[in-house]
Amino acid sequence: MSRPTLSRRVPAVTLLAVASCLWAAGLVAPGGSAGPARSHAQTSPPQEVRLLSPGSGPRVALRYAVGVGARETATMALGMSMSIGVGGVPAQPVRMPVTRMQLEMGPIEAAPQGRLRVPYVFMSVQITPGNGVAPELVTAMQTQMQPLIGLRGFQVIDPRGVGHGAGLTVPPNTAPELAQRLEQLSSSMKNMTSPFPEEAVGVGAVWEVRSHIVSNQISLDQVATYRLRAMRGSDVEMDLELSQTAPPQNLNIPQPGVTTHLDSMQTTGSGQVRLNLAHVTPNSSLHTHTEMHSTISAQGQQQPMRMEMDMDVTFSR
């Protein structure tokens, strides 16, 4: 006997709650009418970089030394799994296919105040099937991600790797909601570089980077803590610990008759970063675990919702 699907086991309000949860997590983008092409530019909110320990041995001021005119190829891979529970319905596991995106960076340009402007373009997107992943989900995601190919954007960084802006041109005939997703992706590109402290550091140095960000309309505070594990010439290796906390807030879910209140959200993560200061693209890996509790109101009913999500993100060149 085949296993009953979610739609046969739970009421419509619960399905709306699950869809709202997936939207808030950035896993689905609702449809919409096509919009004209437009450019979108962002200025980065201030990042606070604070040295906690200078480390030992020879100390140097870590600075990117990327040449103007340089070009790079970067690959970003994203994999995730999650479980969603609504009301008294047992948690429903959802496994997403791995998404691999290839970007071309450059040619890198000089910007005012000694900064660098790093243009990029998405060359390809591949949705990879995997065990437990429904084939129709792979097909749907491949179709949904097609507008990403050819997307051009840029980020502006200073020699310490601190972001000072980003922008992109949204392709023509892009649905407004998907355009918003692409703009958020542009914002996440600013986090590819690792900000360094102003002070000189040695092996064992620890510093933290505090920032306030908005991800999929969720306003949250982030603390990234770096530990310098090794330093050999221009090659740097670091350990990374990540924490994100979101206060209670209302979420603007684009579904008629549905309101969502985020009760709490906490993300913890850890990873490694290996980079050469002559390149903007690192070889890095990060694993995060998110727990989110929300209250969904729809059709005159309220449903508590809980979500746990594990995500793996890698950059390579």
C-alpha atoms as a PDB file:
ATOM      1  CA  MET A   1       0.000   0.000   0.000  1.00  0.00           C
ATOM      2  CA  SER A   2       1.361   3.422  -0.930  1.00  0.00           C
ATOM      3  CA  ARG A   3       2.130   5.907   1.800  1.00  0.00           C
ATOM      4  CA  PRO A   4      -0.559   8.606   2.083  1.00  0.00           C
ATOM      5  CA  THR A   5       0.542  12.006   0.924  1.00  0.00           C
ATOM      6  CA  LEU A   6       0.450  15.088   3.069  1.00  0.00           C
ATOM      7  CA  SER A   7      -2.517  16.488   1.150  1.00  0.00           C
ATOM      8  CA  ARG A   8      -4.648  13.459   2.123  1.00  0.00           C
ATOM      9  CA  ARG A   9      -3.807  13.653   5.797  1.00  0.00           C
ATOM     10  CA  VAL A  10      -4.040  17.299   6.804  1.00  0.00           C
ATOM     11  CA  PRO A  11      -6.515  20.159   6.288  1.00  0.00           C
ATOM     12  CA  ALA A  12      -5.975  23.010   3.855  1.00  0.00           C
ATOM     13  CA  VAL A  13      -5.007  25.443   6.599  1.00  0.00           C
ATOM     14  CA  THR A  14      -2.106  23.161   7.481  1.00  0.00           C
ATOM     15  CA  LEU A  15      -0.940  23.069   3.854  1.00  0.00           C
ATOM     16  CA  LEU A  16      -1.051  26.861   3.802  1.00  0.00           C
ATOM     17  CA  ALA A  17       1.050  26.891   6.960  1.00  0.00           C
ATOM     18  CA  VAL A  18       3.640  24.589   5.413  1.00  0.00           C
ATOM     19  CA  ALA A  19       3.770  26.710   2.265  1.00  0.00           C
ATOM     20  CA  SER A  20       4.224  29.812   4.400  1.00  0.00           C
ATOM     21  CA  CYS A  21       7.054  28.142   6.270  1.00  0.00           C
ATOM     22  CA  LEU A  22       8.788  27.148   3.042  1.00  0.00           C
ATOM     23  CA  TRP A  23       8.415  30.688   1.721  1.00  0.00           C
ATOM     24  CA  ALA A  24       9.872  32.209   4.890  1.00  0.00           C
ATOM     25  CA  ALA A  25      12.804  29.809   4.634  1.00  0.00           C
ATOM     26  CA  GLY A  26      13.434  30.941   1.064  1.00  0.00           C
ATOM     27  CA  LEU A  27      12.694  27.542  -0.482  1.00  0.00           C
ATOM     28  CA  VAL A  28       9.760  28.496  -2.685  1.00  0.00           C
ATOM     29  CA  ALA A  29       8.807  31.597  -4.600  1.00  0.00           C
ATOM     30  CA  PRO A  30       5.118  32.129  -5.353  1.00  0.00           C
ATOM     31  CA  GLY A  31       4.057  32.985  -8.863  1.00  0.00           C
ATOM     32  CA  GLY A  32       3.171  36.456 -10.025  1.00  0.00           C
ATOM     33  CA  SER A  33       2.782  38.693 -13.023  1.00  0.00           C
ATOM     34  CA  ALA A  34       5.825  39.543 -15.077  1.00  0.00           C
ATOM     35  CA  GLY A  35       7.638  42.775 -14.355  1.00  0.00           C
ATOM     36  CA  PRO A  36      10.046  44.913 -16.381  1.00  0.00           C
ATOM     37  CA  ALA A  37      13.810  44.628 -16.137  1.00  0.00           C
ATOM     38  CA  ARG A  38      15.321  46.889 -13.526  1.00  0.00           C
ATOM     39  CA  SER A  39      18.533  47.548 -11.684  1.00  0.00           C
ATOM     40  CA  HIS A  40      18.717  47.163  -7.943  1.00  0.00           C
ATOM     41  CA  ALA A  41      21.488  48.502  -5.730  1.00  0.00           C
ATOM     42  CA  GLN A  42      22.066  48.002  -2.015  1.00  0.00           C
ATOM     43  CA  THR A  43      24.303  49.614   0.538  1.00  0.00           C
ATOM     44  CA  SER A  44      25.536  47.314   3.265  1.00  0.00           C
ATOM     45  CA  PRO A  45      24.509  47.967   6.851  1.00  0.00           C
ATOM     46  CA  PRO A  46      27.546  48.599   9.042  1.00  0.00           C
ATOM     47  CA  GLN A  47      29.563  45.533  10.043  1.00  0.00           C
ATOM     48  CA  GLU A  48      31.272  45.660  13.410  1.00  0.00           C
ATOM     49  CA  VAL A  49      34.576  43.768  13.374  1.00  0.00           C
ATOM     50  CA  ARG A  50      36.051  43.333  16.846  1.00  0.00           C
ATOM     51  CA  LEU A  51      39.318  41.585  17.695  1.00  0.00           C
ATOM     52  CA  LEU A  52      38.959  39.284  20.703  1.00  0.00           C
ATOM     53  CA  SER A  53      42.484  37.837  20.778  1.00  0.00           C
ATOM     54  CA  PRO A  54      45.513  38.828  18.628  1.00  0.00           C
ATOM     55  CA  GLY A  55      47.006  35.327  18.556  1.00  0.00           C
ATOM     56  CA  SER A  56      50.674  34.426  18.899  1.00  0.00           C
ATOM     57  CA  GLY A  57      53.836  34.388  16.842  1.00  0.00           C
ATOM     58  CA  PRO A  58      54.449  36.760  13.938  1.00  0.00           C
ATOM     59  CA  ARG A  59      51.482  39.044  13.406  1.00  0.00           C
ATOM     60  CA  VAL A  60      50.406  40.640  10.137  1.00  0.00           C
ATOM     61  CA  ALA A  61      47.487  42.784   9.030  1.00  0.00           C
ATOM     62  CA  LEU A  62      45.343  40.543   6.818  1.00  0.00           C
ATOM     63  CA  ARG A  63      44.367  42.337   3.607  1.00  0.00           C
ATOM     64  CA  TYR A  64      43.047  41.193   0.246  1.00  0.00           C
ATOM     65  CA  ALA A  65      45.477  41.880  -2.600  1.00  0.00           C
ATOM     66  CA  VAL A  66      43.324  41.143  -5.646  1.00  0.00           C
ATOM     67  CA  GLY A  67      44.590  42.624  -8.880  1.00  0.00           C
ATOM     68  CA  VAL A  68      42.469  45.016 -10.921  1.00  0.00           C
ATOM     69  CA  GLY A  69      41.347  43.243 -14.085  1.00  0.00           C
ATOM     70  CA  ALA A  70      41.487  39.781 -12.478  1.00  0.00           C
ATOM     71  CA  ARG A  71      38.870  37.160 -13.357  1.00  0.00           C
ATOM     72  CA  GLU A  72      37.810  34.101 -11.376  1.00  0.00           C
ATOM     73  CA  THR A  73      35.358  31.233 -11.654  1.00  0.00           C
ATOM     74  CA  ALA A  74      33.423  30.326  -8.527  1.00  0.00           C
ATOM     75  CA  THR A  75      31.098  27.436  -7.730  1.00  0.00           C
ATOM     76  CA  MET A  76      28.501  27.637  -4.981  1.00  0.00           C
ATOM     77  CA  ALA A  77      26.666  24.493  -3.832  1.00  0.00           C
ATOM     78  CA  LEU A  78      23.644  24.487  -1.552  1.00  0.00           C
ATOM     79  CA  GLY A  79      22.043  21.428   0.027  1.00  0.00           C
ATOM     80  CA  MET A  80      19.395  21.251   2.707  1.00  0.00           C
ATOM     81  CA  SER A  81      16.934  19.062   4.534  1.00  0.00           C
ATOM     82  CA  MET A  82      14.167  20.092   6.863  1.00  0.00           C
ATOM     83  CA  SER A  83      11.233  18.894   8.916  1.00  0.00           C
ATOM     84  CA  ILE A  84       8.007  20.794   9.433  1.00  0.00           C
ATOM     85  CA  GLY A  85       5.377  20.184  12.080  1.00  0.00           C
ATOM     86  CA  VAL A  86       2.058  22.042  12.195  1.00  0.00           C
ATOM     87  CA  GLY A  87      -0.355  21.790  15.121  1.00  0.00           C
ATOM     88  CA  GLY A  88      -0.742  18.154  16.072  1.00  0.00           C
ATOM     89  CA  VAL A  89       0.479  16.840  12.729  1.00  0.00           C
ATOM     90  CA  PRO A  90       3.781  14.948  13.072  1.00  0.00           C
ATOM     91  CA  ALA A  91       6.836  16.622  11.581  1.00  0.00           C
ATOM     92  CA  GLN A  92       7.031  16.084   7.830  1.00  0.00           C
ATOM     93  CA  PRO A  93      10.581  15.570   6.515  1.00  0.00           C
ATOM     94  CA  VAL A  94      11.452  17.423   3.322  1.00  0.00           C
ATOM     95  CA  ARG A  95      14.679  16.778   1.432  1.00  0.00           C
ATOM     96  CA  MET A  96      15.704  19.335  -1.159  1.00  0.00           C
ATOM     97  CA  PRO A  97      17.951  18.563  -4.137  1.00  0.00           C
ATOM     98  CA  VAL A  98      21.445  20.046  -4.184  1.00  0.00           C
ATOM     99  CA  THR A  99      21.704  23.281  -6.156  1.00  0.00           C
ATOM    100  CA  ARG A 100      25.029  24.079  -7.846  1.00  0.00           C
ATOM    101  CA  MET A 101      25.644  27.497  -9.342  1.00  0.00           C
ATOM    102  CA  GLN A 102      28.671  28.534 -11.357  1.00  0.00           C
ATOM    103  CA  LEU A 103      29.663  32.188 -11.488  1.00  0.00           C
ATOM    104  CA  GLU A 104      32.231  34.168 -13.388  1.00  0.00           C
ATOM    105  CA  MET A 105      33.755  36.977 -11.317  1.00  0.00           C
ATOM    106  CA  GLY A 106      35.373  40.038 -12.864  1.00  0.00           C
ATOM    107  CA  PRO A 107      37.038  41.785 -14.422  1.00  0.00           C
ATOM    108  CA  ILE A 108      37.630  43.320 -11.008  1.00  0.00           C
ATOM    109  CA  GLU A 109      37.600  47.116 -11.028  1.00  0.00           C
ATOM    110  CA  ALA A 110      39.069  49.805  -8.814  1.00  0.00           C
ATOM    111  CA  ALA A 111      36.477  51.714  -6.746  1.00  0.00           C
ATOM    112  CA  PRO A 112      36.744  54.937  -4.701  1.00  0.00           C
ATOM    113  CA  GLN A 113      38.451  54.946  -1.293  1.00  0.00           C
ATOM    114  CA  GLY A 114      40.753  52.077  -2.218  1.00  0.00           C
ATOM    115  CA  ARG A 115      37.897  49.583  -2.585  1.00  0.00           C
ATOM    116  CA  LEU A 116      37.268  46.965  -5.248  1.00  0.00           C
ATOM    117  CA  ARG A 117      34.175  46.482  -7.376  1.00  0.00           C
ATOM    118  CA  VAL A 118      33.668  42.788  -8.164  1.00  0.00           C
ATOM    119  CA  PRO A 119      31.198  42.124 -11.020  1.00  0.00           C
ATOM    120  CA  TYR A 120      29.765  38.621 -11.417  1.00  0.00           C
ATOM    121  CA  VAL A 121      27.424  36.714 -13.709  1.00  0.00           C
ATOM    122  CA  PHE A 122      25.636  33.416 -13.090  1.00  0.00           C
ATOM    123  CA  MET A 123      26.677  31.061 -15.894  1.00  0.00           C
ATOM    124  CA  SER A 124      24.815  27.881 -14.981  1.00  0.00           C
ATOM    125  CA  VAL A 125      22.470  26.349 -12.419  1.00  0.00           C
ATOM    126  CA  GLN A 126      22.196  22.616 -11.884  1.00  0.00           C
ATOM    127  CA  ILE A 127      19.614  20.909  -9.690  1.00  0.00           C
ATOM    128  CA  THR A 128      20.981  17.510  -8.668  1.00  0.00           C
ATOM    129  CA  PRO A 129      18.646  14.612  -7.828  1.00  0.00           C
ATOM    130  CA  GLY A 130      19.333  12.613  -4.685  1.00  0.00           C
ATOM    131  CA  ASN A 131      17.961   9.857  -2.486  1.00  0.00           C
ATOM    132  CA  GLY A 132      14.570  10.768  -1.099  1.00  0.00           C
ATOM    133  CA  VAL A 133      14.103  13.708  -3.492  1.00  0.00           C
ATOM    134  CA  ALA A 134      10.948  13.656  -5.600  1.00  0.00           C
ATOM    135  CA  PRO A 135      11.736  13.895  -9.356  1.00  0.00           C
ATOM    136  CA  GLU A 136       8.954  16.450  -9.844  1.00  0.00           C
ATOM    137  CA  LEU A 137      10.631  18.689  -7.255  1.00  0.00           C
ATOM    138  CA  VAL A 138      13.894  18.567  -9.229  1.00  0.00           C
ATOM    139  CA  THR A 139      12.048  19.541 -12.410  1.00  0.00           C
ATOM    140  CA  ALA A 140      10.133  22.345 -10.697  1.00  0.00           C
ATOM    141  CA  MET A 141      13.255  23.809  -9.110  1.00  0.00           C
ATOM    142  CA  GLN A 142      15.215  23.638 -12.363  1.00  0.00           C
ATOM    143  CA  THR A 143      12.433  25.605 -14.072  1.00  0.00           C
ATOM    144  CA  GLN A 144      12.163  28.066 -11.208  1.00  0.00           C
ATOM    145  CA  MET A 145      15.915  28.730 -11.171  1.00  0.00           C
ATOM    146  CA  GLN A 146      16.308  29.311 -14.920  1.00  0.00           C
ATOM    147  CA  PRO A 147      15.941  33.124 -14.622  1.00  0.00           C
ATOM    148  CA  LEU A 148      19.100  33.082 -12.533  1.00  0.00           C
ATOM    149  CA  ILE A 149      21.240  32.210 -15.564  1.00  0.00           C
ATOM    150  CA  GLY A 150      22.690  35.394 -17.025  1.00  0.00           C
ATOM    151  CA  LEU A 151      21.957  37.428 -13.899  1.00  0.00           C
ATOM    152  CA  ARG A 152      24.634  40.101 -13.505  1.00  0.00           C
ATOM    153  CA  GLY A 153      25.528  41.786 -10.269  1.00  0.00           C
ATOM    154  CA  PHE A 154      28.399  43.223  -8.317  1.00  0.00           C
ATOM    155  CA  GLN A 155      29.727  43.653  -4.820  1.00  0.00           C
ATOM    156  CA  VAL A 156      32.033  46.317  -3.405  1.00  0.00           C
ATOM    157  CA  ILE A 157      34.602  45.359  -0.768  1.00  0.00           C
ATOM    158  CA  ASP A 158      37.509  47.092   0.909  1.00  0.00           C
ATOM    159  CA  PRO A 159      40.955  45.496   1.406  1.00  0.00           C
ATOM    160  CA  ARG A 160      39.761  44.031   4.730  1.00  0.00           C
ATOM    161  CA  GLY A 161      36.917  42.199   2.971  1.00  0.00           C
ATOM    162  CA  VAL A 162      34.197  44.348   4.525  1.00  0.00           C
ATOM    163  CA  GLY A 163      31.235  44.816   2.182  1.00  0.00           C
ATOM    164  CA  HIS A 164      30.205  48.334   1.178  1.00  0.00           C
ATOM    165  CA  GLY A 165      27.456  47.667  -1.314  1.00  0.00           C
ATOM    166  CA  ALA A 166      25.986  45.307  -3.864  1.00  0.00           C
ATOM    167  CA  GLY A 167      23.707  45.437  -6.852  1.00  0.00           C
ATOM    168  CA  LEU A 168      22.244  43.497  -9.751  1.00  0.00           C
ATOM    169  CA  THR A 169      20.110  43.843 -12.858  1.00  0.00           C
ATOM    170  CA  VAL A 170      16.948  41.771 -12.647  1.00  0.00           C
ATOM    171  CA  PRO A 171      16.293  39.978 -15.973  1.00  0.00           C
ATOM    172  CA  PRO A 172      13.259  41.066 -18.014  1.00  0.00           C
ATOM    173  CA  ASN A 173       9.942  39.216 -17.615  1.00  0.00           C
ATOM    174  CA  THR A 174      10.827  38.166 -14.075  1.00  0.00           C
ATOM    175  CA  ALA A 175       7.877  37.727 -11.711  1.00  0.00           C
ATOM    176  CA  PRO A 176       8.038  40.343  -8.913  1.00  0.00           C
ATOM    177  CA  GLU A 177       8.319  37.761  -6.124  1.00  0.00           C
ATOM    178  CA  LEU A 178      11.153  35.909  -7.888  1.00  0.00           C
ATOM    179  CA  ALA A 179      12.858  39.240  -8.541  1.00  0.00           C
ATOM    180  CA  GLN A 180      12.816  39.798  -4.797  1.00  0.00           C
ATOM    181  CA  ARG A 181      14.443  36.383  -4.298  1.00  0.00           C
ATOM    182  CA  LEU A 182      17.199  37.301  -6.759  1.00  0.00           C
ATOM    183  CA  GLU A 183      17.804  40.572  -4.948  1.00  0.00           C
ATOM    184  CA  GLN A 184      18.164  38.655  -1.675  1.00  0.00           C
ATOM    185  CA  LEU A 185      20.644  36.337  -3.388  1.00  0.00           C
ATOM    186  CA  SER A 186      22.650  39.376  -4.404  1.00  0.00           C
ATOM    187  CA  SER A 187      22.686  40.433  -0.767  1.00  0.00           C
ATOM    188  CA  SER A 188      23.999  37.012   0.291  1.00  0.00           C
ATOM    189  CA  MET A 189      26.870  37.318  -2.193  1.00  0.00           C
ATOM    190  CA  LYS A 190      28.302  40.056   0.013  1.00  0.00           C
ATOM    191  CA  ASN A 191      29.055  37.377   2.599  1.00  0.00           C
ATOM    192  CA  MET A 192      31.419  35.454   0.319  1.00  0.00           C
ATOM    193  CA  THR A 193      34.425  37.415   1.587  1.00  0.00           C
ATOM    194  CA  SER A 194      35.597  37.132   5.195  1.00  0.00           C
ATOM    195  CA  PRO A 195      36.040  40.494   6.983  1.00  0.00           C
ATOM    196  CA  PHE A 196      39.389  40.911   8.761  1.00  0.00           C
ATOM    197  CA  PRO A 197      40.150  43.042  11.819  1.00  0.00           C
ATOM    198  CA  GLU A 198      42.030  46.305  11.503  1.00  0.00           C
ATOM    199  CA  GLU A 199      44.785  45.050  13.828  1.00  0.00           C
ATOM    200  CA  ALA A 200      47.644  42.699  12.955  1.00  0.00           C
ATOM    201  CA  VAL A 201      46.978  39.090  13.974  1.00  0.00           C
ATOM    202  CA  GLY A 202      48.847  35.823  14.404  1.00  0.00           C
ATOM    203  CA  VAL A 203      47.925  32.144  14.520  1.00  0.00           C
ATOM    204  CA  GLY A 204      45.195  31.555  17.098  1.00  0.00           C
ATOM    205  CA  ALA A 205      43.715  35.046  16.703  1.00  0.00           C
ATOM    206  CA  VAL A 206      39.968  35.330  17.253  1.00  0.00           C
ATOM    207  CA  TRP A 207      37.666  38.070  15.993  1.00  0.00           C
ATOM    208  CA  GLU A 208      33.936  38.485  15.583  1.00  0.00           C
ATOM    209  CA  VAL A 209      31.856  40.209  12.933  1.00  0.00           C
ATOM    210  CA  ARG A 210      28.485  41.521  14.074  1.00  0.00           C
ATOM    211  CA  SER A 211      25.838  42.609  11.581  1.00  0.00           C
ATOM    212  CA  HIS A 212      22.118  43.142  11.261  1.00  0.00           C
ATOM    213  CA  ILE A 213      20.654  41.581   8.132  1.00  0.00           C
ATOM    214  CA  VAL A 214      17.307  40.906   6.495  1.00  0.00           C
ATOM    215  CA  SER A 215      16.933  37.452   4.939  1.00  0.00           C
ATOM    216  CA  ASN A 216      13.655  36.538   3.218  1.00  0.00           C
ATOM    217  CA  GLN A 217      12.053  39.471   5.045  1.00  0.00           C
ATOM    218  CA  ILE A 218      13.169  38.102   8.426  1.00  0.00           C
ATOM    219  CA  SER A 219      15.094  40.727  10.392  1.00  0.00           C
ATOM    220  CA  LEU A 220      17.881  39.130  12.421  1.00  0.00           C
ATOM    221  CA  ASP A 221      21.191  39.733  14.159  1.00  0.00           C
ATOM    222  CA  GLN A 222      24.237  37.731  13.105  1.00  0.00           C
ATOM    223  CA  VAL A 223      27.528  37.063  14.846  1.00  0.00           C
ATOM    224  CA  ALA A 224      30.313  35.354  12.884  1.00  0.00           C
ATOM    225  CA  THR A 225      33.353  34.340  14.929  1.00  0.00           C
ATOM    226  CA  TYR A 226      36.620  33.559  13.123  1.00  0.00           C
ATOM    227  CA  ARG A 227      39.678  31.763  14.501  1.00  0.00           C
ATOM    228  CA  LEU A 228      42.913  31.949  12.514  1.00  0.00           C
ATOM    229  CA  ARG A 229      44.145  28.363  12.285  1.00  0.00           C
ATOM    230  CA  ALA A 230      47.084  28.751   9.897  1.00  0.00           C
ATOM    231  CA  MET A 231      48.837  31.414   7.869  1.00  0.00           C
ATOM    232  CA  ARG A 232      51.475  30.714   5.209  1.00  0.00           C
ATOM    233  CA  GLY A 233      52.287  33.689   3.040  1.00  0.00           C
ATOM    234  CA  SER A 234      49.070  34.649   1.235  1.00  0.00           C
ATOM    235  CA  ASP A 235      47.310  31.415   2.241  1.00  0.00           C
ATOM    236  CA  VAL A 236      44.994  31.708   5.242  1.00  0.00           C
ATOM    237  CA  GLU A 237      42.949  29.050   7.018  1.00  0.00           C
ATOM    238  CA  MET A 238      40.198  29.886   9.499  1.00  0.00           C
ATOM    239  CA  ASP A 239      37.503  28.181  11.543  1.00  0.00           C
ATOM    240  CA  LEU A 240      34.096  29.834  11.540  1.00  0.00           C
ATOM    241  CA  GLU A 241      31.271  29.779  14.083  1.00  0.00           C
ATOM    242  CA  LEU A 242      27.967  31.417  13.155  1.00  0.00           C
ATOM    243  CA  SER A 243      24.982  32.498  15.233  1.00  0.00           C
ATOM    244  CA  GLN A 244      21.770  34.177  14.059  1.00  0.00           C
ATOM    245  CA  THR A 245      18.883  35.258  16.275  1.00  0.00           C
ATOM    246  CA  ALA A 246      15.586  36.794  15.185  1.00  0.00           C
ATOM    247  CA  PRO A 247      13.208  38.552  17.593  1.00  0.00           C
ATOM    248  CA  PRO A 248       9.418  38.014  17.394  1.00  0.00           C
ATOM    249  CA  GLN A 249       8.003  39.742  14.300  1.00  0.00           C
ATOM    250  CA  ASN A 250       5.249  39.595  11.720  1.00  0.00           C
ATOM    251  CA  LEU A 251       6.106  38.141   8.314  1.00  0.00           C
ATOM    252  CA  ASN A 252       4.617  39.418   5.076  1.00  0.00           C
ATOM    253  CA  ILE A 253       3.651  36.114   3.466  1.00  0.00           C
ATOM    254  CA  PRO A 254       2.300  36.676  -0.078  1.00  0.00           C
ATOM    255  CA  GLN A 255      -0.733  34.400   0.293  1.00  0.00           C
ATOM    256  CA  PRO A 256      -4.228  35.883   0.516  1.00  0.00           C
ATOM    257  CA  GLY A 257      -5.897  35.326   3.866  1.00  0.00           C
ATOM    258  CA  VAL A 258      -2.728  34.065   5.550  1.00  0.00           C
ATOM    259  CA  THR A 259      -0.810  35.886   8.277  1.00  0.00           C
ATOM    260  CA  THR A 260       2.323  34.597   9.938  1.00  0.00           C
ATOM    261  CA  HIS A 261       3.975  35.650  13.180  1.00  0.00           C
ATOM    262  CA  LEU A 262       7.522  34.540  13.833  1.00  0.00           C
ATOM    263  CA  ASP A 263       7.727  33.603  17.507  1.00  0.00           C
ATOM    264  CA  SER A 264      11.433  32.721  17.558  1.00  0.00           C
ATOM    265  CA  MET A 265      14.280  31.689  15.286  1.00  0.00           C
ATOM    266  CA  GLN A 266      17.785  30.564  16.154  1.00  0.00           C
ATOM    267  CA  THR A 267      20.526  29.457  13.776  1.00  0.00           C
ATOM    268  CA  THR A 268      23.893  28.001  14.740  1.00  0.00           C
ATOM    269  CA  GLY A 269      26.612  26.939  12.352  1.00  0.00           C
ATOM    270  CA  SER A 270      30.243  26.019  11.947  1.00  0.00           C
ATOM    271  CA  GLY A 271      32.642  25.660   9.065  1.00  0.00           C
ATOM    272  CA  GLN A 272      36.081  26.211   7.622  1.00  0.00           C
ATOM    273  CA  VAL A 273      37.445  28.890   5.304  1.00  0.00           C
ATOM    274  CA  ARG A 274      40.595  28.498   3.195  1.00  0.00           C
ATOM    275  CA  LEU A 275      41.573  31.400   1.008  1.00  0.00           C
ATOM    276  CA  ASN A 276      44.412  33.042  -0.827  1.00  0.00           C
ATOM    277  CA  LEU A 277      44.519  36.791  -0.350  1.00  0.00           C
ATOM    278  CA  ALA A 278      45.087  37.264  -4.085  1.00  0.00           C
ATOM    279  CA  HIS A 279      41.575  35.887  -4.797  1.00  0.00           C
ATOM    280  CA  VAL A 280      38.091  36.953  -3.744  1.00  0.00           C
ATOM    281  CA  THR A 281      36.665  33.422  -3.975  1.00  0.00           C
ATOM    282  CA  PRO A 282      37.380  31.180  -0.971  1.00  0.00           C
ATOM    283  CA  ASN A 283      37.327  27.422  -0.622  1.00  0.00           C
ATOM    284  CA  SER A 284      34.871  27.217   2.234  1.00  0.00           C
ATOM    285  CA  SER A 285      32.200  25.043   3.782  1.00  0.00           C
ATOM    286  CA  LEU A 286      29.498  25.911   6.300  1.00  0.00           C
ATOM    287  CA  HIS A 287      26.878  23.754   8.014  1.00  0.00           C
ATOM    288  CA  THR A 288      23.975  25.454   9.782  1.00  0.00           C
ATOM    289  CA  HIS A 289      21.031  24.271  11.857  1.00  0.00           C
ATOM    290  CA  THR A 290      17.938  26.440  12.197  1.00  0.00           C
ATOM    291  CA  GLU A 291      14.969  26.096  14.548  1.00  0.00           C
ATOM    292  CA  MET A 292      11.983  28.312  13.841  1.00  0.00           C
ATOM    293  CA  HIS A 293       8.671  28.590  15.710  1.00  0.00           C
ATOM    294  CA  SER A 294       5.774  30.506  14.163  1.00  0.00           C
ATOM    295  CA  THR A 295       2.031  30.985  14.446  1.00  0.00           C
ATOM    296  CA  ILE A 296      -0.011  30.783  11.232  1.00  0.00           C
ATOM    297  CA  SER A 297      -3.486  32.348  10.970  1.00  0.00           C
ATOM    298  CA  ALA A 298      -5.689  31.298   8.048  1.00  0.00           C
ATOM    299  CA  GLN A 299      -9.382  30.643   7.467  1.00  0.00           C
ATOM    300  CA  GLY A 300     -10.170  31.839  10.981  1.00  0.00           C
ATOM    301  CA  GLN A 301      -7.815  29.278  12.537  1.00  0.00           C
ATOM    302  CA  GLN A 302      -4.431  29.506  14.232  1.00  0.00           C
ATOM    303  CA  GLN A 303      -1.798  26.815  13.974  1.00  0.00           C
ATOM    304  CA  PRO A 304       1.543  26.644  15.770  1.00  0.00           C
ATOM    305  CA  MET A 305       4.317  25.655  13.403  1.00  0.00           C
ATOM    306  CA  ARG A 306       7.825  24.439  14.049  1.00  0.00           C
ATOM    307  CA  MET A 307      10.581  23.950  11.523  1.00  0.00           C
ATOM    308  CA  GLU A 308      14.078  22.534  11.759  1.00  0.00           C
ATOM    309  CA  MET A 309      16.405  22.975   8.813  1.00  0.00           C
ATOM    310  CA  ASP A 310      19.951  21.800   8.148  1.00  0.00           C
ATOM    311  CA  MET A 311      21.858  23.515   5.380  1.00  0.00           C
ATOM    312  CA  ASP A 312      25.277  22.974   3.810  1.00  0.00           C
ATOM    313  CA  VAL A 313      26.849  25.711   1.704  1.00  0.00           C
ATOM    314  CA  THR A 314      30.202  25.484  -0.054  1.00  0.00           C
ATOM    315  CA  PHE A 315      32.213  27.918  -2.180  1.00  0.00           C
ATOM    316  CA  SER A 316      35.108  26.785  -4.355  1.00  0.00           C
ATOM    317  CA  ARG A 317      37.258  28.155  -7.147  1.00  0.00           C
END
